[in-house]
Amino acid sequence: MAKELRIPYMPRKLLSVVLLLSASALHAASIKLTWSESNNPAAQDPGTVNVYRRTANCPSSVKSVTWLKLATGVSASGPYVDNAANTLYPHCYYVTSVINGVESVPSNMTFVPAPPTAAAGAWQP
């Protein structure tokens, strides 16, 4: 059961970045994050990407909660696989672009819900 979400990614010039991040479940304990690079002709250096996770629902603002920095120096073309994901909890992610040592503002957040724990059904007459 794969879930894919997307957030735009644009390398930035002067801290202005839009990121497209997506997530898909590979198996019970892995989530694959992908993003698409900007086609900004002014960007000479695509830089790298930092990946952040919160093991809970996404908050109303990135700055309102504490995040775990999962990775730094990830290729700007991605992907990143979170092998430490836990199927008991929902996960929220965001990424930033890093160019010449300067980190961009956060991308929008992407949410990966916890899978259902039980299913029920009944015959309909």
PDB file of N, CA and C in Angstrom:
ATOM      1  N   MET A   1       0.853  -1.163   0.000  1.00  0.00           N
ATOM      2  CA  MET A   1       0.000   0.000   0.000  1.00  0.00           C
ATOM      3  C   MET A   1       0.902   1.230   0.000  1.00  0.00           C
ATOM      4  N   ALA A   2       1.028   1.847  -1.147  1.00  0.00           N
ATOM      5  CA  ALA A   2       1.923   3.000  -1.258  1.00  0.00           C
ATOM      6  C   ALA A   2       1.126   4.287  -1.172  1.00  0.00           C
ATOM      7  N   LYS A   3       1.646   5.221  -0.448  1.00  0.00           N
ATOM      8  CA  LYS A   3       1.025   6.541  -0.307  1.00  0.00           C
ATOM      9  C   LYS A   3       2.028   7.541  -0.820  1.00  0.00           C
ATOM     10  N   GLU A   4       1.619   8.390  -1.737  1.00  0.00           N
ATOM     11  CA  GLU A   4       2.551   9.369  -2.290  1.00  0.00           C
ATOM     12  C   GLU A   4       1.979  10.766  -2.143  1.00  0.00           C
ATOM     13  N   LEU A   5       2.788  11.647  -1.596  1.00  0.00           N
ATOM     14  CA  LEU A   5       2.444  13.047  -1.403  1.00  0.00           C
ATOM     15  C   LEU A   5       3.543  13.871  -2.029  1.00  0.00           C
ATOM     16  N   ARG A   6       3.238  15.027  -2.572  1.00  0.00           N
ATOM     17  CA  ARG A   6       4.255  15.829  -3.247  1.00  0.00           C
ATOM     18  C   ARG A   6       4.319  17.247  -2.706  1.00  0.00           C
ATOM     19  N   ILE A   7       5.535  17.781  -2.634  1.00  0.00           N
ATOM     20  CA  ILE A   7       5.817  19.164  -2.241  1.00  0.00           C
ATOM     21  C   ILE A   7       6.820  19.724  -3.247  1.00  0.00           C
ATOM     22  N   PRO A   8       6.630  20.909  -3.853  1.00  0.00           N
ATOM     23  CA  PRO A   8       7.590  21.389  -4.859  1.00  0.00           C
ATOM     24  C   PRO A   8       8.952  21.744  -4.269  1.00  0.00           C
ATOM     25  N   TYR A   9      10.007  21.459  -4.995  1.00  0.00           N
ATOM     26  CA  TYR A   9      11.371  21.781  -4.573  1.00  0.00           C
ATOM     27  C   TYR A   9      12.006  22.696  -5.601  1.00  0.00           C
ATOM     28  N   MET A  10      12.512  23.819  -5.162  1.00  0.00           N
ATOM     29  CA  MET A  10      13.236  24.744  -6.027  1.00  0.00           C
ATOM     30  C   MET A  10      14.504  25.172  -5.329  1.00  0.00           C
ATOM     31  N   PRO A  11      15.651  24.993  -5.970  1.00  0.00           N
ATOM     32  CA  PRO A  11      16.832  25.581  -5.356  1.00  0.00           C
ATOM     33  C   PRO A  11      16.611  27.077  -5.247  1.00  0.00           C
ATOM     34  N   ARG A  12      17.179  27.688  -4.265  1.00  0.00           N
ATOM     35  CA  ARG A  12      16.887  29.085  -4.029  1.00  0.00           C
ATOM     36  C   ARG A  12      18.082  29.961  -4.245  1.00  0.00           C
ATOM     37  N   LYS A  13      17.748  31.134  -4.519  1.00  0.00           N
ATOM     38  CA  LYS A  13      18.727  32.195  -4.564  1.00  0.00           C
ATOM     39  C   LYS A  13      18.228  33.183  -3.530  1.00  0.00           C
ATOM     40  N   LEU A  14      19.049  33.584  -2.602  1.00  0.00           N
ATOM     41  CA  LEU A  14      18.689  34.517  -1.531  1.00  0.00           C
ATOM     42  C   LEU A  14      17.579  33.963  -0.636  1.00  0.00           C
ATOM     43  N   LEU A  15      17.676  32.713  -0.240  1.00  0.00           N
ATOM     44  CA  LEU A  15      16.769  32.059   0.698  1.00  0.00           C
ATOM     45  C   LEU A  15      15.329  31.947   0.227  1.00  0.00           C
ATOM     46  N   SER A  16      15.082  31.964  -1.040  1.00  0.00           N
ATOM     47  CA  SER A  16      13.723  31.840  -1.547  1.00  0.00           C
ATOM     48  C   SER A  16      13.587  30.488  -2.225  1.00  0.00           C
ATOM     49  N   VAL A  17      12.894  29.534  -1.588  1.00  0.00           N
ATOM     50  CA  VAL A  17      12.780  28.182  -2.123  1.00  0.00           C
ATOM     51  C   VAL A  17      11.358  27.681  -1.999  1.00  0.00           C
ATOM     52  N   VAL A  18      10.930  26.980  -3.019  1.00  0.00           N
ATOM     53  CA  VAL A  18       9.672  26.239  -2.959  1.00  0.00           C
ATOM     54  C   VAL A  18      10.059  24.788  -3.171  1.00  0.00           C
ATOM     55  N   LEU A  19       9.621  23.901  -2.291  1.00  0.00           N
ATOM     56  CA  LEU A  19       9.997  22.496  -2.368  1.00  0.00           C
ATOM     57  C   LEU A  19       8.776  21.627  -2.629  1.00  0.00           C
ATOM     58  N   LEU A  20       8.932  20.579  -3.441  1.00  0.00           N
ATOM     59  CA  LEU A  20       7.872  19.611  -3.674  1.00  0.00           C
ATOM     60  C   LEU A  20       8.352  18.294  -3.113  1.00  0.00           C
ATOM     61  N   LEU A  21       7.773  17.907  -2.010  1.00  0.00           N
ATOM     62  CA  LEU A  21       8.160  16.697  -1.301  1.00  0.00           C
ATOM     63  C   LEU A  21       7.040  15.692  -1.420  1.00  0.00           C
ATOM     64  N   SER A  22       7.378  14.437  -1.614  1.00  0.00           N
ATOM     65  CA  SER A  22       6.356  13.399  -1.627  1.00  0.00           C
ATOM     66  C   SER A  22       6.833  12.233  -0.784  1.00  0.00           C
ATOM     67  N   ALA A  23       5.896  11.463  -0.312  1.00  0.00           N
ATOM     68  CA  ALA A  23       6.227  10.317   0.528  1.00  0.00           C
ATOM     69  C   ALA A  23       5.436   9.117   0.056  1.00  0.00           C
ATOM     70  N   SER A  24       6.072   7.964   0.053  1.00  0.00           N
ATOM     71  CA  SER A  24       5.361   6.735  -0.269  1.00  0.00           C
ATOM     72  C   SER A  24       5.892   5.624   0.625  1.00  0.00           C
ATOM     73  N   ALA A  25       4.990   4.794   1.082  1.00  0.00           N
ATOM     74  CA  ALA A  25       5.375   3.684   1.953  1.00  0.00           C
ATOM     75  C   ALA A  25       5.958   2.567   1.104  1.00  0.00           C
ATOM     76  N   LEU A  26       7.176   2.144   1.407  1.00  0.00           N
ATOM     77  CA  LEU A  26       7.802   1.045   0.681  1.00  0.00           C
ATOM     78  C   LEU A  26       7.426  -0.292   1.315  1.00  0.00           C
ATOM     79  N   HIS A  27       7.469  -0.357   2.606  1.00  0.00           N
ATOM     80  CA  HIS A  27       7.018  -1.519   3.365  1.00  0.00           C
ATOM     81  C   HIS A  27       6.746  -1.055   4.781  1.00  0.00           C
ATOM     82  N   ALA A  28       6.531  -1.961   5.686  1.00  0.00           N
ATOM     83  CA  ALA A  28       6.042  -1.619   7.025  1.00  0.00           C
ATOM     84  C   ALA A  28       6.886  -0.582   7.760  1.00  0.00           C
ATOM     85  N   ALA A  29       8.173  -0.491   7.501  1.00  0.00           N
ATOM     86  CA  ALA A  29       8.995   0.420   8.289  1.00  0.00           C
ATOM     87  C   ALA A  29       9.805   1.391   7.437  1.00  0.00           C
ATOM     88  N   SER A  30       9.406   1.637   6.196  1.00  0.00           N
ATOM     89  CA  SER A  30      10.149   2.566   5.344  1.00  0.00           C
ATOM     90  C   SER A  30       9.200   3.531   4.648  1.00  0.00           C
ATOM     91  N   ILE A  31       9.620   4.778   4.564  1.00  0.00           N
ATOM     92  CA  ILE A  31       8.872   5.789   3.817  1.00  0.00           C
ATOM     93  C   ILE A  31       9.858   6.459   2.870  1.00  0.00           C
ATOM     94  N   LYS A  32       9.514   6.507   1.606  1.00  0.00           N
ATOM     95  CA  LYS A  32      10.377   7.107   0.588  1.00  0.00           C
ATOM     96  C   LYS A  32       9.903   8.527   0.318  1.00  0.00           C
ATOM     97  N   LEU A  33      10.810   9.475   0.487  1.00  0.00           N
ATOM     98  CA  LEU A  33      10.515  10.878   0.226  1.00  0.00           C
ATOM     99  C   LEU A  33      11.162  11.278  -1.094  1.00  0.00           C
ATOM    100  N   THR A  34      10.403  11.930  -1.950  1.00  0.00           N
ATOM    101  CA  THR A  34      10.934  12.424  -3.216  1.00  0.00           C
ATOM    102  C   THR A  34      10.499  13.865  -3.399  1.00  0.00           C
ATOM    103  N   TRP A  35      11.230  14.576  -4.209  1.00  0.00           N
ATOM    104  CA  TRP A  35      10.879  15.958  -4.517  1.00  0.00           C
ATOM    105  C   TRP A  35      11.350  16.235  -5.928  1.00  0.00           C
ATOM    106  N   SER A  36      10.757  17.243  -6.540  1.00  0.00           N
ATOM    107  CA  SER A  36      11.189  17.627  -7.881  1.00  0.00           C
ATOM    108  C   SER A  36      11.929  18.948  -7.791  1.00  0.00           C
ATOM    109  N   GLU A  37      13.026  19.005  -8.523  1.00  0.00           N
ATOM    110  CA  GLU A  37      13.850  20.211  -8.514  1.00  0.00           C
ATOM    111  C   GLU A  37      13.186  21.313  -9.325  1.00  0.00           C
ATOM    112  N   SER A  38      13.562  22.504  -9.025  1.00  0.00           N
ATOM    113  CA  SER A  38      13.090  23.668  -9.759  1.00  0.00           C
ATOM    114  C   SER A  38      13.731  23.687 -11.135  1.00  0.00           C
ATOM    115  N   ASN A  39      13.049  24.289 -12.069  1.00  0.00           N
ATOM    116  CA  ASN A  39      13.676  24.514 -13.365  1.00  0.00           C
ATOM    117  C   ASN A  39      14.088  25.980 -13.463  1.00  0.00           C
ATOM    118  N   ASN A  40      14.582  26.509 -12.345  1.00  0.00           N
ATOM    119  CA  ASN A  40      15.026  27.897 -12.250  1.00  0.00           C
ATOM    120  C   ASN A  40      16.376  28.031 -12.961  1.00  0.00           C
ATOM    121  N   PRO A  41      16.425  28.722 -14.106  1.00  0.00           N
ATOM    122  CA  PRO A  41      17.692  28.835 -14.832  1.00  0.00           C
ATOM    123  C   PRO A  41      18.736  29.671 -14.096  1.00  0.00           C
ATOM    124  N   ALA A  42      18.321  30.479 -13.126  1.00  0.00           N
ATOM    125  CA  ALA A  42      19.272  31.315 -12.382  1.00  0.00           C
ATOM    126  C   ALA A  42      20.045  30.510 -11.346  1.00  0.00           C
ATOM    127  N   ALA A  43      19.540  29.337 -10.971  1.00  0.00           N
ATOM    128  CA  ALA A  43      20.197  28.529  -9.947  1.00  0.00           C
ATOM    129  C   ALA A  43      21.374  27.777 -10.561  1.00  0.00           C
ATOM    130  N   GLN A  44      22.582  28.144 -10.192  1.00  0.00           N
ATOM    131  CA  GLN A  44      23.789  27.512 -10.718  1.00  0.00           C
ATOM    132  C   GLN A  44      24.121  26.242  -9.941  1.00  0.00           C
ATOM    133  N   ASP A  45      23.918  26.268  -8.638  1.00  0.00           N
ATOM    134  CA  ASP A  45      24.253  25.156  -7.760  1.00  0.00           C
ATOM    135  C   ASP A  45      22.960  24.595  -7.179  1.00  0.00           C
ATOM    136  N   PRO A  46      22.626  23.327  -7.465  1.00  0.00           N
ATOM    137  CA  PRO A  46      21.388  22.779  -6.918  1.00  0.00           C
ATOM    138  C   PRO A  46      21.442  22.588  -5.404  1.00  0.00           C
ATOM    139  N   GLY A  47      22.652  22.596  -4.828  1.00  0.00           N
ATOM    140  CA  GLY A  47      22.789  22.438  -3.385  1.00  0.00           C
ATOM    141  C   GLY A  47      22.431  21.038  -2.934  1.00  0.00           C
ATOM    142  N   THR A  48      22.089  20.928  -1.674  1.00  0.00           N
ATOM    143  CA  THR A  48      21.680  19.656  -1.080  1.00  0.00           C
ATOM    144  C   THR A  48      20.382  19.892  -0.313  1.00  0.00           C
ATOM    145  N   VAL A  49      19.876  18.827   0.287  1.00  0.00           N
ATOM    146  CA  VAL A  49      18.602  18.894   0.996  1.00  0.00           C
ATOM    147  C   VAL A  49      18.779  18.344   2.411  1.00  0.00           C
ATOM    148  N   ASN A  50      18.145  19.002   3.380  1.00  0.00           N
ATOM    149  CA  ASN A  50      18.026  18.492   4.742  1.00  0.00           C
ATOM    150  C   ASN A  50      16.616  17.941   4.904  1.00  0.00           C
ATOM    151  N   VAL A  51      16.486  16.824   5.608  1.00  0.00           N
ATOM    152  CA  VAL A  51      15.191  16.167   5.804  1.00  0.00           C
ATOM    153  C   VAL A  51      14.850  16.175   7.288  1.00  0.00           C
ATOM    154  N   TYR A  52      13.613  16.563   7.604  1.00  0.00           N
ATOM    155  CA  TYR A  52      13.138  16.640   8.990  1.00  0.00           C
ATOM    156  C   TYR A  52      11.869  15.801   9.147  1.00  0.00           C
ATOM    157  N   ARG A  53      11.708  15.200  10.358  1.00  0.00           N
ATOM    158  CA  ARG A  53      10.530  14.374  10.636  1.00  0.00           C
ATOM    159  C   ARG A  53       9.976  14.666  12.016  1.00  0.00           C
ATOM    160  N   ARG A  54       8.674  14.541  12.116  1.00  0.00           N
ATOM    161  CA  ARG A  54       7.953  14.573  13.387  1.00  0.00           C
ATOM    162  C   ARG A  54       7.070  13.341  13.393  1.00  0.00           C
ATOM    163  N   THR A  55       7.158  12.520  14.438  1.00  0.00           N
ATOM    164  CA  THR A  55       6.356  11.305  14.509  1.00  0.00           C
ATOM    165  C   THR A  55       5.030  11.634  15.192  1.00  0.00           C
ATOM    166  N   ALA A  56       4.191  12.314  14.443  1.00  0.00           N
ATOM    167  CA  ALA A  56       2.868  12.749  14.902  1.00  0.00           C
ATOM    168  C   ALA A  56       2.185  13.421  13.718  1.00  0.00           C
ATOM    169  N   ASN A  57       0.967  13.889  13.936  1.00  0.00           N
ATOM    170  CA  ASN A  57       0.282  14.649  12.893  1.00  0.00           C
ATOM    171  C   ASN A  57       1.053  15.921  12.598  1.00  0.00           C
ATOM    172  N   CYS A  58       0.865  16.465  11.413  1.00  0.00           N
ATOM    173  CA  CYS A  58       1.530  17.723  11.067  1.00  0.00           C
ATOM    174  C   CYS A  58       0.929  18.858  11.893  1.00  0.00           C
ATOM    175  N   PRO A  59       1.759  19.733  12.402  1.00  0.00           N
ATOM    176  CA  PRO A  59       1.273  20.872  13.183  1.00  0.00           C
ATOM    177  C   PRO A  59       0.765  21.977  12.255  1.00  0.00           C
ATOM    178  N   SER A  60       0.226  23.012  12.829  1.00  0.00           N
ATOM    179  CA  SER A  60      -0.250  24.136  12.021  1.00  0.00           C
ATOM    180  C   SER A  60       0.913  24.957  11.461  1.00  0.00           C
ATOM    181  N   SER A  61       2.069  24.884  12.128  1.00  0.00           N
ATOM    182  CA  SER A  61       3.246  25.628  11.696  1.00  0.00           C
ATOM    183  C   SER A  61       4.495  24.798  11.975  1.00  0.00           C
ATOM    184  N   VAL A  62       5.456  24.829  11.054  1.00  0.00           N
ATOM    185  CA  VAL A  62       6.719  24.108  11.244  1.00  0.00           C
ATOM    186  C   VAL A  62       7.420  24.571  12.518  1.00  0.00           C
ATOM    187  N   LYS A  63       7.330  25.865  12.810  1.00  0.00           N
ATOM    188  CA  LYS A  63       8.041  26.432  13.954  1.00  0.00           C
ATOM    189  C   LYS A  63       7.358  26.177  15.294  1.00  0.00           C
ATOM    190  N   SER A  64       6.154  25.611  15.300  1.00  0.00           N
ATOM    191  CA  SER A  64       5.415  25.450  16.550  1.00  0.00           C
ATOM    192  C   SER A  64       5.790  24.200  17.342  1.00  0.00           C
ATOM    193  N   VAL A  65       6.598  23.298  16.767  1.00  0.00           N
ATOM    194  CA  VAL A  65       6.964  22.045  17.437  1.00  0.00           C
ATOM    195  C   VAL A  65       8.446  21.742  17.199  1.00  0.00           C
ATOM    196  N   THR A  66       8.942  20.723  17.892  1.00  0.00           N
ATOM    197  CA  THR A  66      10.317  20.265  17.720  1.00  0.00           C
ATOM    198  C   THR A  66      10.360  19.180  16.654  1.00  0.00           C
ATOM    199  N   TRP A  67      11.363  19.241  15.788  1.00  0.00           N
ATOM    200  CA  TRP A  67      11.537  18.284  14.699  1.00  0.00           C
ATOM    201  C   TRP A  67      12.850  17.524  14.869  1.00  0.00           C
ATOM    202  N   LEU A  68      12.905  16.321  14.342  1.00  0.00           N
ATOM    203  CA  LEU A  68      14.125  15.526  14.297  1.00  0.00           C
ATOM    204  C   LEU A  68      14.752  15.719  12.923  1.00  0.00           C
ATOM    205  N   LYS A  69      16.016  16.167  12.888  1.00  0.00           N
ATOM    206  CA  LYS A  69      16.715  16.275  11.601  1.00  0.00           C
ATOM    207  C   LYS A  69      17.207  14.881  11.253  1.00  0.00           C
ATOM    208  N   LEU A  70      16.617  14.288  10.210  1.00  0.00           N
ATOM    209  CA  LEU A  70      16.950  12.921   9.817  1.00  0.00           C
ATOM    210  C   LEU A  70      18.222  12.842   8.989  1.00  0.00           C
ATOM    211  N   ALA A  71      18.413  13.819   8.110  1.00  0.00           N
ATOM    212  CA  ALA A  71      19.559  13.736   7.199  1.00  0.00           C
ATOM    213  C   ALA A  71      19.969  15.119   6.717  1.00  0.00           C
ATOM    214  N   THR A  72      21.259  15.236   6.421  1.00  0.00           N
ATOM    215  CA  THR A  72      21.798  16.446   5.800  1.00  0.00           C
ATOM    216  C   THR A  72      22.583  16.004   4.569  1.00  0.00           C
ATOM    217  N   GLY A  73      22.760  16.906   3.642  1.00  0.00           N
ATOM    218  CA  GLY A  73      23.573  16.607   2.470  1.00  0.00           C
ATOM    219  C   GLY A  73      22.945  15.642   1.483  1.00  0.00           C
ATOM    220  N   VAL A  74      21.631  15.481   1.523  1.00  0.00           N
ATOM    221  CA  VAL A  74      20.943  14.600   0.585  1.00  0.00           C
ATOM    222  C   VAL A  74      20.955  15.260  -0.792  1.00  0.00           C
ATOM    223  N   SER A  75      21.132  14.483  -1.828  1.00  0.00           N
ATOM    224  CA  SER A  75      21.161  15.009  -3.191  1.00  0.00           C
ATOM    225  C   SER A  75      19.904  15.829  -3.481  1.00  0.00           C
ATOM    226  N   ALA A  76      20.077  16.945  -4.168  1.00  0.00           N
ATOM    227  CA  ALA A  76      18.949  17.807  -4.512  1.00  0.00           C
ATOM    228  C   ALA A  76      17.949  17.087  -5.408  1.00  0.00           C
ATOM    229  N   SER A  77      18.387  16.049  -6.092  1.00  0.00           N
ATOM    230  CA  SER A  77      17.468  15.301  -6.944  1.00  0.00           C
ATOM    231  C   SER A  77      16.787  14.156  -6.198  1.00  0.00           C
ATOM    232  N   GLY A  78      17.173  13.934  -4.903  1.00  0.00           N
ATOM    233  CA  GLY A  78      16.529  12.929  -4.065  1.00  0.00           C
ATOM    234  C   GLY A  78      16.840  11.530  -4.548  1.00  0.00           C
ATOM    235  N   PRO A  79      16.136  10.541  -4.070  1.00  0.00           N
ATOM    236  CA  PRO A  79      15.163  10.552  -2.978  1.00  0.00           C
ATOM    237  C   PRO A  79      15.855  10.347  -1.635  1.00  0.00           C
ATOM    238  N   TYR A  80      15.040  10.268  -0.590  1.00  0.00           N
ATOM    239  CA  TYR A  80      15.516   9.901   0.745  1.00  0.00           C
ATOM    240  C   TYR A  80      14.567   8.839   1.282  1.00  0.00           C
ATOM    241  N   VAL A  81      15.110   7.757   1.823  1.00  0.00           N
ATOM    242  CA  VAL A  81      14.287   6.696   2.398  1.00  0.00           C
ATOM    243  C   VAL A  81      14.455   6.718   3.908  1.00  0.00           C
ATOM    244  N   ASP A  82      13.331   6.896   4.607  1.00  0.00           N
ATOM    245  CA  ASP A  82      13.320   6.867   6.074  1.00  0.00           C
ATOM    246  C   ASP A  82      13.065   5.433   6.505  1.00  0.00           C
ATOM    247  N   ASN A  83      14.143   4.715   6.823  1.00  0.00           N
ATOM    248  CA  ASN A  83      14.026   3.317   7.247  1.00  0.00           C
ATOM    249  C   ASN A  83      13.678   3.173   8.717  1.00  0.00           C
ATOM    250  N   ALA A  84      13.616   4.272   9.447  1.00  0.00           N
ATOM    251  CA  ALA A  84      13.304   4.221  10.875  1.00  0.00           C
ATOM    252  C   ALA A  84      11.848   4.600  11.143  1.00  0.00           C
ATOM    253  N   ALA A  85      11.027   4.631  10.107  1.00  0.00           N
ATOM    254  CA  ALA A  85       9.616   4.959  10.295  1.00  0.00           C
ATOM    255  C   ALA A  85       8.943   3.880  11.135  1.00  0.00           C
ATOM    256  N   ASN A  86       7.949   4.267  11.910  1.00  0.00           N
ATOM    257  CA  ASN A  86       7.244   3.348  12.795  1.00  0.00           C
ATOM    258  C   ASN A  86       5.790   3.288  12.368  1.00  0.00           C
ATOM    259  N   THR A  87       5.308   2.104  12.054  1.00  0.00           N
ATOM    260  CA  THR A  87       3.944   1.964  11.547  1.00  0.00           C
ATOM    261  C   THR A  87       2.874   2.224  12.608  1.00  0.00           C
ATOM    262  N   LEU A  88       3.259   2.399  13.852  1.00  0.00           N
ATOM    263  CA  LEU A  88       2.268   2.669  14.902  1.00  0.00           C
ATOM    264  C   LEU A  88       1.861   4.138  14.964  1.00  0.00           C
ATOM    265  N   TYR A  89       2.617   5.016  14.300  1.00  0.00           N
ATOM    266  CA  TYR A  89       2.389   6.459  14.413  1.00  0.00           C
ATOM    267  C   TYR A  89       2.303   7.120  13.046  1.00  0.00           C
ATOM    268  N   PRO A  90       1.575   8.227  12.975  1.00  0.00           N
ATOM    269  CA  PRO A  90       1.635   9.022  11.742  1.00  0.00           C
ATOM    270  C   PRO A  90       2.980   9.744  11.688  1.00  0.00           C
ATOM    271  N   HIS A  91       3.392  10.160  10.500  1.00  0.00           N
ATOM    272  CA  HIS A  91       4.658  10.861  10.316  1.00  0.00           C
ATOM    273  C   HIS A  91       4.425  12.130   9.509  1.00  0.00           C
ATOM    274  N   CYS A  92       5.131  13.166   9.865  1.00  0.00           N
ATOM    275  CA  CYS A  92       5.069  14.427   9.150  1.00  0.00           C
ATOM    276  C   CYS A  92       6.501  14.802   8.766  1.00  0.00           C
ATOM    277  N   TYR A  93       6.702  15.257   7.539  1.00  0.00           N
ATOM    278  CA  TYR A  93       8.037  15.588   7.042  1.00  0.00           C
ATOM    279  C   TYR A  93       8.055  16.979   6.419  1.00  0.00           C
ATOM    280  N   TYR A  94       9.231  17.570   6.414  1.00  0.00           N
ATOM    281  CA  TYR A  94       9.508  18.728   5.565  1.00  0.00           C
ATOM    282  C   TYR A  94      10.974  18.684   5.192  1.00  0.00           C
ATOM    283  N   VAL A  95      11.331  19.412   4.145  1.00  0.00           N
ATOM    284  CA  VAL A  95      12.718  19.474   3.701  1.00  0.00           C
ATOM    285  C   VAL A  95      13.127  20.932   3.517  1.00  0.00           C
ATOM    286  N   THR A  96      14.432  21.140   3.521  1.00  0.00           N
ATOM    287  CA  THR A  96      14.987  22.458   3.214  1.00  0.00           C
ATOM    288  C   THR A  96      16.099  22.275   2.193  1.00  0.00           C
ATOM    289  N   SER A  97      16.375  23.321   1.467  1.00  0.00           N
ATOM    290  CA  SER A  97      17.476  23.337   0.523  1.00  0.00           C
ATOM    291  C   SER A  97      18.659  24.030   1.191  1.00  0.00           C
ATOM    292  N   VAL A  98      19.859  23.531   0.935  1.00  0.00           N
ATOM    293  CA  VAL A  98      21.070  24.164   1.454  1.00  0.00           C
ATOM    294  C   VAL A  98      21.980  24.468   0.275  1.00  0.00           C
ATOM    295  N   ILE A  99      22.246  25.760   0.079  1.00  0.00           N
ATOM    296  CA  ILE A  99      23.128  26.191  -1.002  1.00  0.00           C
ATOM    297  C   ILE A  99      24.195  27.092  -0.404  1.00  0.00           C
ATOM    298  N   ASN A 100      25.438  26.742  -0.672  1.00  0.00           N
ATOM    299  CA  ASN A 100      26.585  27.491  -0.135  1.00  0.00           C
ATOM    300  C   ASN A 100      26.502  27.652   1.380  1.00  0.00           C
ATOM    301  N   GLY A 101      26.046  26.600   2.070  1.00  0.00           N
ATOM    302  CA  GLY A 101      25.993  26.617   3.522  1.00  0.00           C
ATOM    303  C   GLY A 101      24.820  27.368   4.119  1.00  0.00           C
ATOM    304  N   VAL A 102      23.925  27.896   3.298  1.00  0.00           N
ATOM    305  CA  VAL A 102      22.771  28.646   3.795  1.00  0.00           C
ATOM    306  C   VAL A 102      21.517  27.809   3.606  1.00  0.00           C
ATOM    307  N   GLU A 103      20.795  27.570   4.697  1.00  0.00           N
ATOM    308  CA  GLU A 103      19.586  26.744   4.654  1.00  0.00           C
ATOM    309  C   GLU A 103      18.362  27.598   4.336  1.00  0.00           C
ATOM    310  N   SER A 104      17.532  27.089   3.449  1.00  0.00           N
ATOM    311  CA  SER A 104      16.323  27.799   3.030  1.00  0.00           C
ATOM    312  C   SER A 104      15.235  27.704   4.096  1.00  0.00           C
ATOM    313  N   VAL A 105      14.169  28.389   3.844  1.00  0.00           N
ATOM    314  CA  VAL A 105      12.976  28.245   4.671  1.00  0.00           C
ATOM    315  C   VAL A 105      12.419  26.848   4.428  1.00  0.00           C
ATOM    316  N   PRO A 106      11.616  26.307   5.354  1.00  0.00           N
ATOM    317  CA  PRO A 106      11.070  24.955   5.187  1.00  0.00           C
ATOM    318  C   PRO A 106      10.095  24.859   4.014  1.00  0.00           C
ATOM    319  N   SER A 107      10.051  23.670   3.432  1.00  0.00           N
ATOM    320  CA  SER A 107       9.031  23.365   2.435  1.00  0.00           C
ATOM    321  C   SER A 107       7.690  23.254   3.158  1.00  0.00           C
ATOM    322  N   ASN A 108       6.644  23.033   2.402  1.00  0.00           N
ATOM    323  CA  ASN A 108       5.398  22.693   3.073  1.00  0.00           C
ATOM    324  C   ASN A 108       5.544  21.276   3.632  1.00  0.00           C
ATOM    325  N   MET A 109       4.722  20.945   4.581  1.00  0.00           N
ATOM    326  CA  MET A 109       4.807  19.650   5.255  1.00  0.00           C
ATOM    327  C   MET A 109       4.030  18.601   4.461  1.00  0.00           C
ATOM    328  N   THR A 110       4.472  17.349   4.573  1.00  0.00           N
ATOM    329  CA  THR A 110       3.738  16.246   3.970  1.00  0.00           C
ATOM    330  C   THR A 110       3.433  15.230   5.067  1.00  0.00           C
ATOM    331  N   PHE A 111       2.230  14.675   5.029  1.00  0.00           N
ATOM    332  CA  PHE A 111       1.731  13.813   6.095  1.00  0.00           C
ATOM    333  C   PHE A 111       1.596  12.380   5.591  1.00  0.00           C
ATOM    334  N   VAL A 112       2.105  11.430   6.374  1.00  0.00           N
ATOM    335  CA  VAL A 112       1.945  10.007   6.098  1.00  0.00           C
ATOM    336  C   VAL A 112       1.216   9.417   7.299  1.00  0.00           C
ATOM    337  N   PRO A 113      -0.072   9.072   7.129  1.00  0.00           N
ATOM    338  CA  PRO A 113      -0.834   8.567   8.272  1.00  0.00           C
ATOM    339  C   PRO A 113      -0.397   7.159   8.682  1.00  0.00           C
ATOM    340  N   ALA A 114      -0.694   6.803   9.921  1.00  0.00           N
ATOM    341  CA  ALA A 114      -0.462   5.434  10.386  1.00  0.00           C
ATOM    342  C   ALA A 114      -1.473   4.538   9.682  1.00  0.00           C
ATOM    343  N   PRO A 115      -1.085   3.305   9.360  1.00  0.00           N
ATOM    344  CA  PRO A 115      -2.048   2.413   8.712  1.00  0.00           C
ATOM    345  C   PRO A 115      -3.151   2.026   9.687  1.00  0.00           C
ATOM    346  N   PRO A 116      -4.321   1.625   9.176  1.00  0.00           N
ATOM    347  CA  PRO A 116      -5.400   1.201  10.074  1.00  0.00           C
ATOM    348  C   PRO A 116      -4.971  -0.039  10.864  1.00  0.00           C
ATOM    349  N   THR A 117      -5.464  -0.145  12.083  1.00  0.00           N
ATOM    350  CA  THR A 117      -5.099  -1.289  12.925  1.00  0.00           C
ATOM    351  C   THR A 117      -6.085  -2.450  12.797  1.00  0.00           C
ATOM    352  N   ALA A 118      -7.289  -2.166  12.331  1.00  0.00           N
ATOM    353  CA  ALA A 118      -8.288  -3.232  12.196  1.00  0.00           C
ATOM    354  C   ALA A 118      -9.286  -2.845  11.121  1.00  0.00           C
ATOM    355  N   ALA A 119      -9.872  -3.836  10.553  1.00  0.00           N
ATOM    356  CA  ALA A 119     -10.937  -3.614   9.559  1.00  0.00           C
ATOM    357  C   ALA A 119     -12.148  -4.428   9.979  1.00  0.00           C
ATOM    358  N   ALA A 120     -13.312  -3.908   9.698  1.00  0.00           N
ATOM    359  CA  ALA A 120     -14.558  -4.614  10.025  1.00  0.00           C
ATOM    360  C   ALA A 120     -15.493  -4.513   8.851  1.00  0.00           C
ATOM    361  N   GLY A 121     -16.360  -5.463   8.712  1.00  0.00           N
ATOM    362  CA  GLY A 121     -17.324  -5.442   7.630  1.00  0.00           C
ATOM    363  C   GLY A 121     -18.539  -6.280   7.987  1.00  0.00           C
ATOM    364  N   ALA A 122     -19.600  -6.069   7.270  1.00  0.00           N
ATOM    365  CA  ALA A 122     -20.825  -6.842   7.465  1.00  0.00           C
ATOM    366  C   ALA A 122     -21.536  -6.974   6.133  1.00  0.00           C
ATOM    367  N   TRP A 123     -22.240  -8.070   5.937  1.00  0.00           N
ATOM    368  CA  TRP A 123     -23.005  -8.269   4.721  1.00  0.00           C
ATOM    369  C   TRP A 123     -24.164  -7.296   4.687  1.00  0.00           C
ATOM    370  N   GLN A 124     -24.409  -6.744   3.541  1.00  0.00           N
ATOM    371  CA  GLN A 124     -25.554  -5.857   3.365  1.00  0.00           C
ATOM    372  C   GLN A 124     -26.672  -6.647   2.690  1.00  0.00           C
ATOM    373  N   PRO A 125     -27.898  -6.569   3.223  1.00  0.00           N
ATOM    374  CA  PRO A 125     -29.019  -7.301   2.598  1.00  0.00           C
ATOM    375  C   PRO A 125     -29.422  -6.679   1.279  1.00  0.00           C
TER     376      PRO A 125
END
